[in-house]
Amino acid sequence: MKIAVTYENGEVFQHFGKTQNFKIYDVEDNRVVSTLVVDSEGQGHGALAGVLANKGIDLLICGGIGEGARQALADAGIEVVAGAEGKADDAVEEYLAGTLKGSDENCDHHHEDGEGCGHHEDGACGEGCEQASSCGGCCGRASTVEGKNAGKKCTVHYRGTYNDGTQFDSSYDRGAPLEFICGAGMMIRGFDQAVADMEPGQIVDVHLMPEEAYGMPNPMMVMVIPFTELPGSEDLNVDERVVLADDMGRQFQVRVVAKDDRTVTLDANHEMAGKELNFKIELVSVE
């Protein structure tokens, strides 16, 4: 059996999509016989599942993780124990002893810098990531698409534009295609569905309504917070974007939408919520 733990300075790293290292434990007869720290290769949520699968990992122990990443790992045959904290070695020993206290809590926030679901590196997070701000996301919901490419690793180039023709993102401009597991919730549903039946080399143009993209703005994601509960918020300006962290240390991005002499109003909705999006998608390969 092989166990991988998101790893940093001896501890269980709390953000699956951003982990820079995994510590891998070879287990025989319910005891650790060898360990090795490996680089995560900077892949992000989607491809991290492939990295672990290629290393023959059977189980992942981590802190926070999104549903899309969970699904990708499940598709790769990797079990997940989330919500672990503290020393990585202790977490593995506790797992083997049957005493590891994890949780089923998902990383359902957004992505701070477009790294989002782990696919973006330019801050745009507009390339079809299901959620975007910084869990990067995609901490998304499983999109449940049908098609011959569903469940497979797809590599695409794409260009995204608004209805007025303004480009918001392009893998062509970055010179690097995007990899994701189709139908695993890493991408917005409309993007996933478009790719599900494509052939390698095919190029399609799709128009997505908000329901197929980032959804409509949710008023429950707008928060009025007293300055006393968020030190430093009195210095924020309207339209400024800031990164906050939850109780588990997981980060999410919000926008300042209002401010008075006692409170600040923060909006955690994705910036593309409510927008119609257009994508030119080129399927490079399917594995």
C-alpha atoms as a PDB file:
ATOM      1  CA  MET A   1       0.000   0.000   0.000  1.00  0.00           C
ATOM      2  CA  LYS A   2       1.178   3.525  -0.763  1.00  0.00           C
ATOM      3  CA  ILE A   3      -0.029   6.550   1.178  1.00  0.00           C
ATOM      4  CA  ALA A   4       0.594  10.152   0.081  1.00  0.00           C
ATOM      5  CA  VAL A   5       0.295  13.125   2.422  1.00  0.00           C
ATOM      6  CA  THR A   6       0.206  16.790   1.391  1.00  0.00           C
ATOM      7  CA  TYR A   7       3.429  17.948   3.015  1.00  0.00           C
ATOM      8  CA  GLU A   8       5.254  21.049   4.230  1.00  0.00           C
ATOM      9  CA  ASN A   9       7.891  21.281   6.962  1.00  0.00           C
ATOM     10  CA  GLY A  10       6.845  18.003   8.528  1.00  0.00           C
ATOM     11  CA  GLU A  11       3.174  18.986   8.704  1.00  0.00           C
ATOM     12  CA  VAL A  12       0.062  18.006   6.773  1.00  0.00           C
ATOM     13  CA  PHE A  13      -0.278  20.866   4.272  1.00  0.00           C
ATOM     14  CA  GLN A  14      -3.805  22.237   4.424  1.00  0.00           C
ATOM     15  CA  HIS A  15      -4.496  23.018   0.765  1.00  0.00           C
ATOM     16  CA  PHE A  16      -4.455  20.085  -1.651  1.00  0.00           C
ATOM     17  CA  GLY A  17      -4.435  22.199  -4.831  1.00  0.00           C
ATOM     18  CA  LYS A  18      -1.465  24.256  -3.667  1.00  0.00           C
ATOM     19  CA  THR A  19       0.738  21.624  -2.083  1.00  0.00           C
ATOM     20  CA  GLN A  20       4.314  21.785  -3.298  1.00  0.00           C
ATOM     21  CA  ASN A  21       5.261  18.383  -1.925  1.00  0.00           C
ATOM     22  CA  PHE A  22       3.881  14.988  -1.049  1.00  0.00           C
ATOM     23  CA  LYS A  23       5.405  12.644   1.470  1.00  0.00           C
ATOM     24  CA  ILE A  24       4.919   9.088   0.252  1.00  0.00           C
ATOM     25  CA  TYR A  25       4.787   6.179   2.672  1.00  0.00           C
ATOM     26  CA  ASP A  26       5.246   2.563   1.595  1.00  0.00           C
ATOM     27  CA  VAL A  27       3.254   0.358   3.927  1.00  0.00           C
ATOM     28  CA  GLU A  28       3.568  -3.380   4.410  1.00  0.00           C
ATOM     29  CA  ASP A  29       1.746  -5.450   7.028  1.00  0.00           C
ATOM     30  CA  ASN A  30       0.191  -2.229   8.364  1.00  0.00           C
ATOM     31  CA  ARG A  31       3.535  -0.575   9.110  1.00  0.00           C
ATOM     32  CA  VAL A  32       5.627   2.015   7.294  1.00  0.00           C
ATOM     33  CA  VAL A  33       8.712   0.485   5.667  1.00  0.00           C
ATOM     34  CA  SER A  34       9.988   3.512   3.734  1.00  0.00           C
ATOM     35  CA  THR A  35       9.211   7.164   3.050  1.00  0.00           C
ATOM     36  CA  LEU A  36      10.060   9.628   0.313  1.00  0.00           C
ATOM     37  CA  VAL A  37       9.287  13.329  -0.153  1.00  0.00           C
ATOM     38  CA  VAL A  38       8.526  14.221  -3.762  1.00  0.00           C
ATOM     39  CA  ASP A  39       7.753  17.428  -5.588  1.00  0.00           C
ATOM     40  CA  SER A  40       4.115  17.824  -6.623  1.00  0.00           C
ATOM     41  CA  GLU A  41       5.323  19.152  -9.989  1.00  0.00           C
ATOM     42  CA  GLY A  42       3.106  22.219  -9.516  1.00  0.00           C
ATOM     43  CA  GLN A  43       0.218  20.619 -11.340  1.00  0.00           C
ATOM     44  CA  GLY A  44      -2.808  21.875  -9.413  1.00  0.00           C
ATOM     45  CA  HIS A  45      -5.992  19.987  -8.567  1.00  0.00           C
ATOM     46  CA  GLY A  46      -6.737  18.164 -11.782  1.00  0.00           C
ATOM     47  CA  ALA A  47      -3.365  16.870 -12.813  1.00  0.00           C
ATOM     48  CA  LEU A  48      -2.323  16.195  -9.209  1.00  0.00           C
ATOM     49  CA  ALA A  49      -4.648  13.208  -9.301  1.00  0.00           C
ATOM     50  CA  GLY A  50      -2.722  11.935 -12.311  1.00  0.00           C
ATOM     51  CA  VAL A  51       0.613  12.558 -10.586  1.00  0.00           C
ATOM     52  CA  LEU A  52      -0.478  10.476  -7.597  1.00  0.00           C
ATOM     53  CA  ALA A  53      -1.964   7.763  -9.774  1.00  0.00           C
ATOM     54  CA  ASN A  54       1.290   7.499 -11.718  1.00  0.00           C
ATOM     55  CA  LYS A  55       3.127   6.960  -8.429  1.00  0.00           C
ATOM     56  CA  GLY A  56       0.795   4.102  -7.518  1.00  0.00           C
ATOM     57  CA  ILE A  57      -0.808   5.914  -4.578  1.00  0.00           C
ATOM     58  CA  ASP A  58      -3.714   4.120  -2.909  1.00  0.00           C
ATOM     59  CA  LEU A  59      -4.626   6.704  -0.273  1.00  0.00           C
ATOM     60  CA  LEU A  60      -4.272  10.479   0.113  1.00  0.00           C
ATOM     61  CA  ILE A  61      -4.257  12.172   3.516  1.00  0.00           C
ATOM     62  CA  CYS A  62      -4.700  15.940   3.330  1.00  0.00           C
ATOM     63  CA  GLY A  63      -6.253  19.023   4.898  1.00  0.00           C
ATOM     64  CA  GLY A  64      -8.766  20.865   2.751  1.00  0.00           C
ATOM     65  CA  ILE A  65      -9.828  19.500  -0.637  1.00  0.00           C
ATOM     66  CA  GLY A  66     -12.548  20.385  -3.120  1.00  0.00           C
ATOM     67  CA  GLU A  67     -15.252  18.099  -4.446  1.00  0.00           C
ATOM     68  CA  GLY A  68     -13.853  18.272  -7.970  1.00  0.00           C
ATOM     69  CA  ALA A  69     -10.457  17.133  -6.738  1.00  0.00           C
ATOM     70  CA  ARG A  70     -12.089  14.386  -4.675  1.00  0.00           C
ATOM     71  CA  GLN A  71     -13.860  13.139  -7.775  1.00  0.00           C
ATOM     72  CA  ALA A  72     -10.678  13.230  -9.829  1.00  0.00           C
ATOM     73  CA  LEU A  73      -8.900  11.168  -7.185  1.00  0.00           C
ATOM     74  CA  ALA A  74     -11.821   8.744  -6.988  1.00  0.00           C
ATOM     75  CA  ASP A  75     -11.685   8.350 -10.772  1.00  0.00           C
ATOM     76  CA  ALA A  76      -8.001   7.492 -10.372  1.00  0.00           C
ATOM     77  CA  GLY A  77      -8.845   4.884  -7.725  1.00  0.00           C
ATOM     78  CA  ILE A  78      -7.348   6.876  -4.844  1.00  0.00           C
ATOM     79  CA  GLU A  79      -9.096   6.987  -1.463  1.00  0.00           C
ATOM     80  CA  VAL A  80      -9.116  10.350   0.376  1.00  0.00           C
ATOM     81  CA  VAL A  81      -8.973  11.141   4.078  1.00  0.00           C
ATOM     82  CA  ALA A  82      -9.433  14.908   4.431  1.00  0.00           C
ATOM     83  CA  GLY A  83      -9.347  17.284   7.373  1.00  0.00           C
ATOM     84  CA  ALA A  84      -6.101  15.925   8.823  1.00  0.00           C
ATOM     85  CA  GLU A  85      -3.845  18.290  10.776  1.00  0.00           C
ATOM     86  CA  GLY A  86      -0.503  18.216  12.556  1.00  0.00           C
ATOM     87  CA  LYS A  87       2.542  16.073  11.853  1.00  0.00           C
ATOM     88  CA  ALA A  88       2.377  14.059   8.633  1.00  0.00           C
ATOM     89  CA  ASP A  89       4.085  11.043  10.223  1.00  0.00           C
ATOM     90  CA  ASP A  90       1.595  11.085  13.088  1.00  0.00           C
ATOM     91  CA  ALA A  91      -1.333  11.277  10.683  1.00  0.00           C
ATOM     92  CA  VAL A  92      -0.156   8.151   8.871  1.00  0.00           C
ATOM     93  CA  GLU A  93       0.442   6.254  12.102  1.00  0.00           C
ATOM     94  CA  GLU A  94      -2.999   7.254  13.331  1.00  0.00           C
ATOM     95  CA  TYR A  95      -4.544   6.110  10.060  1.00  0.00           C
ATOM     96  CA  LEU A  96      -2.856   2.734  10.324  1.00  0.00           C
ATOM     97  CA  ALA A  97      -4.042   2.468  13.924  1.00  0.00           C
ATOM     98  CA  GLY A  98      -7.589   3.404  12.919  1.00  0.00           C
ATOM     99  CA  THR A  99      -7.606   6.556  15.051  1.00  0.00           C
ATOM    100  CA  LEU A 100      -7.054   9.315  12.487  1.00  0.00           C
ATOM    101  CA  LYS A 101      -9.588  12.072  12.972  1.00  0.00           C
ATOM    102  CA  GLY A 102     -10.361  13.582   9.582  1.00  0.00           C
ATOM    103  CA  SER A 103     -13.501  15.193   8.256  1.00  0.00           C
ATOM    104  CA  ASP A 104     -15.693  15.206   5.175  1.00  0.00           C
ATOM    105  CA  GLU A 105     -15.381  18.941   4.878  1.00  0.00           C
ATOM    106  CA  ASN A 106     -14.733  20.170   1.360  1.00  0.00           C
ATOM    107  CA  CYS A 107     -12.704  23.086   0.139  1.00  0.00           C
ATOM    108  CA  ASP A 108     -15.678  25.001  -1.256  1.00  0.00           C
ATOM    109  CA  HIS A 109     -14.291  28.510  -1.259  1.00  0.00           C
ATOM    110  CA  HIS A 110     -12.806  30.348  -4.180  1.00  0.00           C
ATOM    111  CA  HIS A 111      -9.359  31.021  -5.549  1.00  0.00           C
ATOM    112  CA  GLU A 112      -7.136  33.878  -4.630  1.00  0.00           C
ATOM    113  CA  ASP A 113      -5.078  34.405  -7.724  1.00  0.00           C
ATOM    114  CA  GLY A 114      -6.515  32.396 -10.531  1.00  0.00           C
ATOM    115  CA  GLU A 115      -4.392  29.458  -9.596  1.00  0.00           C
ATOM    116  CA  GLY A 116      -7.842  28.607  -8.604  1.00  0.00           C
ATOM    117  CA  CYS A 117      -8.453  25.034  -9.238  1.00  0.00           C
ATOM    118  CA  GLY A 118      -4.903  24.599  -9.941  1.00  0.00           C
ATOM    119  CA  HIS A 119      -5.160  25.105 -13.669  1.00  0.00           C
ATOM    120  CA  HIS A 120      -4.436  28.805 -13.808  1.00  0.00           C
ATOM    121  CA  GLU A 121      -1.253  30.634 -13.304  1.00  0.00           C
ATOM    122  CA  ASP A 122      -2.032  34.039 -14.649  1.00  0.00           C
ATOM    123  CA  GLY A 123      -4.717  35.192 -12.286  1.00  0.00           C
ATOM    124  CA  ALA A 124      -7.474  35.121 -14.869  1.00  0.00           C
ATOM    125  CA  CYS A 125      -9.212  31.994 -13.638  1.00  0.00           C
ATOM    126  CA  GLY A 126     -11.558  32.360 -16.517  1.00  0.00           C
ATOM    127  CA  GLU A 127     -10.648  29.284 -18.448  1.00  0.00           C
ATOM    128  CA  GLY A 128     -13.716  27.407 -17.501  1.00  0.00           C
ATOM    129  CA  CYS A 129     -12.804  26.659 -13.916  1.00  0.00           C
ATOM    130  CA  GLU A 130     -15.958  25.798 -11.986  1.00  0.00           C
ATOM    131  CA  GLN A 131     -15.166  28.177  -9.157  1.00  0.00           C
ATOM    132  CA  ALA A 132     -12.525  30.761  -9.227  1.00  0.00           C
ATOM    133  CA  SER A 133     -10.659  32.810  -6.753  1.00  0.00           C
ATOM    134  CA  SER A 134      -8.285  30.505  -4.870  1.00  0.00           C
ATOM    135  CA  CYS A 135      -8.648  27.049  -3.728  1.00  0.00           C
ATOM    136  CA  GLY A 136      -7.881  27.217  -5.985  1.00  0.00           C
ATOM    137  CA  GLY A 137     -10.962  25.537  -7.834  1.00  0.00           C
ATOM    138  CA  CYS A 138     -11.424  24.017  -8.898  1.00  0.00           C
ATOM    139  CA  CYS A 139     -12.950  23.185  -5.947  1.00  0.00           C
ATOM    140  CA  GLY A 140     -15.936  22.647  -8.089  1.00  0.00           C
ATOM    141  CA  ARG A 141     -19.003  20.525  -8.041  1.00  0.00           C
ATOM    142  CA  ALA A 142     -18.929  17.339 -10.098  1.00  0.00           C
ATOM    143  CA  SER A 143     -20.508  18.351 -13.399  1.00  0.00           C
ATOM    144  CA  THR A 144     -21.976  14.957 -14.393  1.00  0.00           C
ATOM    145  CA  VAL A 145     -21.550  15.204 -18.148  1.00  0.00           C
ATOM    146  CA  GLU A 146     -22.041  12.415 -20.647  1.00  0.00           C
ATOM    147  CA  GLY A 147     -19.824  11.655 -23.609  1.00  0.00           C
ATOM    148  CA  LYS A 148     -16.979   9.470 -24.788  1.00  0.00           C
ATOM    149  CA  ASN A 149     -14.368  11.714 -23.124  1.00  0.00           C
ATOM    150  CA  ALA A 150     -16.047  11.787 -19.700  1.00  0.00           C
ATOM    151  CA  GLY A 151     -13.653  10.549 -17.014  1.00  0.00           C
ATOM    152  CA  LYS A 152     -10.610  10.933 -19.268  1.00  0.00           C
ATOM    153  CA  LYS A 153      -7.735  13.395 -19.022  1.00  0.00           C
ATOM    154  CA  CYS A 154      -8.248  15.963 -21.765  1.00  0.00           C
ATOM    155  CA  THR A 155      -5.730  18.528 -22.967  1.00  0.00           C
ATOM    156  CA  VAL A 156      -7.191  21.617 -24.618  1.00  0.00           C
ATOM    157  CA  HIS A 157      -6.322  25.047 -25.901  1.00  0.00           C
ATOM    158  CA  TYR A 158      -9.048  27.643 -25.517  1.00  0.00           C
ATOM    159  CA  ARG A 159      -9.895  31.324 -25.817  1.00  0.00           C
ATOM    160  CA  GLY A 160     -12.623  32.893 -23.668  1.00  0.00           C
ATOM    161  CA  THR A 161     -14.501  36.087 -24.539  1.00  0.00           C
ATOM    162  CA  TYR A 162     -17.486  38.074 -23.321  1.00  0.00           C
ATOM    163  CA  ASN A 163     -20.377  38.871 -25.651  1.00  0.00           C
ATOM    164  CA  ASP A 164     -18.799  42.206 -26.586  1.00  0.00           C
ATOM    165  CA  GLY A 165     -15.734  40.374 -27.871  1.00  0.00           C
ATOM    166  CA  THR A 166     -13.477  41.266 -24.943  1.00  0.00           C
ATOM    167  CA  GLN A 167     -11.071  38.421 -24.216  1.00  0.00           C
ATOM    168  CA  PHE A 168     -10.848  37.374 -20.568  1.00  0.00           C
ATOM    169  CA  ASP A 169      -8.511  34.412 -20.893  1.00  0.00           C
ATOM    170  CA  SER A 170      -6.505  32.410 -23.423  1.00  0.00           C
ATOM    171  CA  SER A 171      -4.259  29.386 -23.157  1.00  0.00           C
ATOM    172  CA  TYR A 172      -2.935  30.271 -26.615  1.00  0.00           C
ATOM    173  CA  ASP A 173      -1.550  33.526 -25.229  1.00  0.00           C
ATOM    174  CA  ARG A 174       0.145  31.687 -22.371  1.00  0.00           C
ATOM    175  CA  GLY A 175       1.591  29.149 -24.770  1.00  0.00           C
ATOM    176  CA  ALA A 176       0.481  26.214 -22.595  1.00  0.00           C
ATOM    177  CA  PRO A 177      -2.617  24.034 -22.968  1.00  0.00           C
ATOM    178  CA  LEU A 178      -4.913  23.138 -20.070  1.00  0.00           C
ATOM    179  CA  GLU A 179      -5.219  19.598 -18.696  1.00  0.00           C
ATOM    180  CA  PHE A 180      -8.262  18.379 -16.753  1.00  0.00           C
ATOM    181  CA  ILE A 181     -10.378  15.284 -16.228  1.00  0.00           C
ATOM    182  CA  CYS A 182     -13.566  15.731 -18.219  1.00  0.00           C
ATOM    183  CA  GLY A 183     -16.718  15.491 -16.146  1.00  0.00           C
ATOM    184  CA  ALA A 184     -14.938  15.535 -12.771  1.00  0.00           C
ATOM    185  CA  GLY A 185     -16.194  18.992 -11.827  1.00  0.00           C
ATOM    186  CA  MET A 186     -12.896  20.755 -12.449  1.00  0.00           C
ATOM    187  CA  MET A 187     -14.460  22.873 -15.176  1.00  0.00           C
ATOM    188  CA  ILE A 188     -17.712  24.758 -15.530  1.00  0.00           C
ATOM    189  CA  ARG A 189     -20.423  22.462 -16.837  1.00  0.00           C
ATOM    190  CA  GLY A 190     -20.769  24.013 -20.299  1.00  0.00           C
ATOM    191  CA  PHE A 191     -17.031  23.738 -20.939  1.00  0.00           C
ATOM    192  CA  ASP A 192     -17.015  20.120 -19.749  1.00  0.00           C
ATOM    193  CA  GLN A 193     -20.000  19.204 -21.895  1.00  0.00           C
ATOM    194  CA  ALA A 194     -18.481  20.777 -25.000  1.00  0.00           C
ATOM    195  CA  VAL A 195     -15.302  18.720 -24.633  1.00  0.00           C
ATOM    196  CA  ALA A 196     -17.084  15.469 -23.753  1.00  0.00           C
ATOM    197  CA  ASP A 197     -17.799  14.498 -27.372  1.00  0.00           C
ATOM    198  CA  MET A 198     -14.953  16.223 -29.212  1.00  0.00           C
ATOM    199  CA  GLU A 199     -12.295  14.479 -31.292  1.00  0.00           C
ATOM    200  CA  PRO A 200      -8.574  15.318 -30.953  1.00  0.00           C
ATOM    201  CA  GLY A 201      -7.775  18.133 -33.355  1.00  0.00           C
ATOM    202  CA  GLN A 202     -11.376  19.361 -33.437  1.00  0.00           C
ATOM    203  CA  ILE A 203     -12.154  23.031 -32.723  1.00  0.00           C
ATOM    204  CA  VAL A 204     -15.580  24.181 -31.528  1.00  0.00           C
ATOM    205  CA  ASP A 205     -17.128  27.512 -30.590  1.00  0.00           C
ATOM    206  CA  VAL A 206     -19.587  27.475 -27.693  1.00  0.00           C
ATOM    207  CA  HIS A 207     -21.803  30.103 -26.099  1.00  0.00           C
ATOM    208  CA  LEU A 208     -22.597  29.508 -22.428  1.00  0.00           C
ATOM    209  CA  MET A 209     -25.412  31.025 -20.426  1.00  0.00           C
ATOM    210  CA  PRO A 210     -24.665  31.782 -16.749  1.00  0.00           C
ATOM    211  CA  GLU A 211     -26.361  28.545 -15.675  1.00  0.00           C
ATOM    212  CA  GLU A 212     -23.766  26.613 -17.692  1.00  0.00           C
ATOM    213  CA  ALA A 213     -20.889  28.742 -16.448  1.00  0.00           C
ATOM    214  CA  TYR A 214     -20.459  30.438 -13.062  1.00  0.00           C
ATOM    215  CA  GLY A 215     -24.141  30.666 -12.195  1.00  0.00           C
ATOM    216  CA  MET A 216     -26.035  33.694 -10.976  1.00  0.00           C
ATOM    217  CA  PRO A 217     -24.800  35.833  -8.060  1.00  0.00           C
ATOM    218  CA  ASN A 218     -25.783  34.366  -4.693  1.00  0.00           C
ATOM    219  CA  PRO A 219     -26.887  37.002  -2.148  1.00  0.00           C
ATOM    220  CA  MET A 220     -25.882  34.628   0.668  1.00  0.00           C
ATOM    221  CA  MET A 221     -22.256  35.142  -0.381  1.00  0.00           C
ATOM    222  CA  VAL A 222     -22.402  38.852   0.435  1.00  0.00           C
ATOM    223  CA  MET A 223     -21.242  39.477   4.018  1.00  0.00           C
ATOM    224  CA  VAL A 224     -21.469  42.589   6.189  1.00  0.00           C
ATOM    225  CA  ILE A 225     -18.634  42.426   8.712  1.00  0.00           C
ATOM    226  CA  PRO A 226     -17.900  44.857  11.571  1.00  0.00           C
ATOM    227  CA  PHE A 227     -14.389  46.305  11.586  1.00  0.00           C
ATOM    228  CA  THR A 228     -13.934  44.794  15.049  1.00  0.00           C
ATOM    229  CA  GLU A 229     -14.292  41.278  13.604  1.00  0.00           C
ATOM    230  CA  LEU A 230     -11.854  41.837  10.734  1.00  0.00           C
ATOM    231  CA  PRO A 231      -8.851  43.888  11.851  1.00  0.00           C
ATOM    232  CA  GLY A 232      -7.523  46.122   9.077  1.00  0.00           C
ATOM    233  CA  SER A 233     -10.821  46.134   7.161  1.00  0.00           C
ATOM    234  CA  GLU A 234     -11.285  49.806   8.014  1.00  0.00           C
ATOM    235  CA  ASP A 235      -8.452  50.538   5.563  1.00  0.00           C
ATOM    236  CA  LEU A 236     -10.006  48.667   2.635  1.00  0.00           C
ATOM    237  CA  ASN A 237     -11.429  50.474  -0.377  1.00  0.00           C
ATOM    238  CA  VAL A 238     -14.521  49.700  -2.441  1.00  0.00           C
ATOM    239  CA  ASP A 239     -13.741  47.377  -5.403  1.00  0.00           C
ATOM    240  CA  GLU A 240     -10.530  46.197  -3.738  1.00  0.00           C
ATOM    241  CA  ARG A 241     -10.024  42.420  -3.779  1.00  0.00           C
ATOM    242  CA  VAL A 242      -8.607  40.728  -0.724  1.00  0.00           C
ATOM    243  CA  VAL A 243      -7.831  37.187   0.334  1.00  0.00           C
ATOM    244  CA  LEU A 244      -9.257  35.809   3.554  1.00  0.00           C
ATOM    245  CA  ALA A 245      -8.759  32.464   5.279  1.00  0.00           C
ATOM    246  CA  ASP A 246     -11.225  30.206   7.041  1.00  0.00           C
ATOM    247  CA  ASP A 247     -10.681  28.361  10.333  1.00  0.00           C
ATOM    248  CA  MET A 248      -8.698  25.622   8.552  1.00  0.00           C
ATOM    249  CA  GLY A 249      -6.362  28.103   6.899  1.00  0.00           C
ATOM    250  CA  ARG A 250      -7.926  27.689   3.470  1.00  0.00           C
ATOM    251  CA  GLN A 251      -7.967  30.876   1.430  1.00  0.00           C
ATOM    252  CA  PHE A 252     -10.724  32.518  -0.589  1.00  0.00           C
ATOM    253  CA  GLN A 253     -11.054  35.817  -2.403  1.00  0.00           C
ATOM    254  CA  VAL A 254     -13.669  38.507  -1.814  1.00  0.00           C
ATOM    255  CA  ARG A 255     -14.401  41.930  -3.276  1.00  0.00           C
ATOM    256  CA  VAL A 256     -15.191  45.005  -1.194  1.00  0.00           C
ATOM    257  CA  VAL A 257     -18.589  46.266  -2.384  1.00  0.00           C
ATOM    258  CA  ALA A 258     -19.487  48.778   0.353  1.00  0.00           C
ATOM    259  CA  LYS A 259     -18.147  50.384   3.497  1.00  0.00           C
ATOM    260  CA  ASP A 260     -19.413  52.686   6.222  1.00  0.00           C
ATOM    261  CA  ASP A 261     -17.971  53.969   9.479  1.00  0.00           C
ATOM    262  CA  ARG A 262     -18.422  50.625  11.279  1.00  0.00           C
ATOM    263  CA  THR A 263     -18.660  47.807   8.736  1.00  0.00           C
ATOM    264  CA  VAL A 264     -17.332  46.536   5.426  1.00  0.00           C
ATOM    265  CA  THR A 265     -19.436  44.567   2.939  1.00  0.00           C
ATOM    266  CA  LEU A 266     -17.631  41.733   1.140  1.00  0.00           C
ATOM    267  CA  ASP A 267     -18.847  39.774  -1.876  1.00  0.00           C
ATOM    268  CA  ALA A 268     -17.471  36.236  -2.328  1.00  0.00           C
ATOM    269  CA  ASN A 269     -19.359  35.600  -5.569  1.00  0.00           C
ATOM    270  CA  HIS A 270     -17.217  34.788  -8.566  1.00  0.00           C
ATOM    271  CA  GLU A 271     -16.557  37.858 -10.691  1.00  0.00           C
ATOM    272  CA  MET A 272     -18.090  36.089 -13.697  1.00  0.00           C
ATOM    273  CA  ALA A 273     -21.305  35.130 -11.937  1.00  0.00           C
ATOM    274  CA  GLY A 274     -24.271  36.190 -14.071  1.00  0.00           C
ATOM    275  CA  LYS A 275     -22.218  36.569 -17.256  1.00  0.00           C
ATOM    276  CA  GLU A 276     -22.631  34.826 -20.605  1.00  0.00           C
ATOM    277  CA  LEU A 277     -19.330  33.415 -21.840  1.00  0.00           C
ATOM    278  CA  ASN A 278     -17.968  32.347 -25.205  1.00  0.00           C
ATOM    279  CA  PHE A 279     -15.206  29.801 -25.719  1.00  0.00           C
ATOM    280  CA  LYS A 280     -13.184  28.652 -28.682  1.00  0.00           C
ATOM    281  CA  ILE A 281     -12.002  25.186 -27.636  1.00  0.00           C
ATOM    282  CA  GLU A 282      -9.419  23.031 -29.401  1.00  0.00           C
ATOM    283  CA  LEU A 283      -9.059  19.450 -28.146  1.00  0.00           C
ATOM    284  CA  VAL A 284      -5.364  18.641 -28.286  1.00  0.00           C
ATOM    285  CA  SER A 285      -5.401  15.108 -26.846  1.00  0.00           C
ATOM    286  CA  VAL A 286      -7.360  12.589 -24.776  1.00  0.00           C
ATOM    287  CA  GLU A 287      -5.846   9.989 -22.450  1.00  0.00           C
END
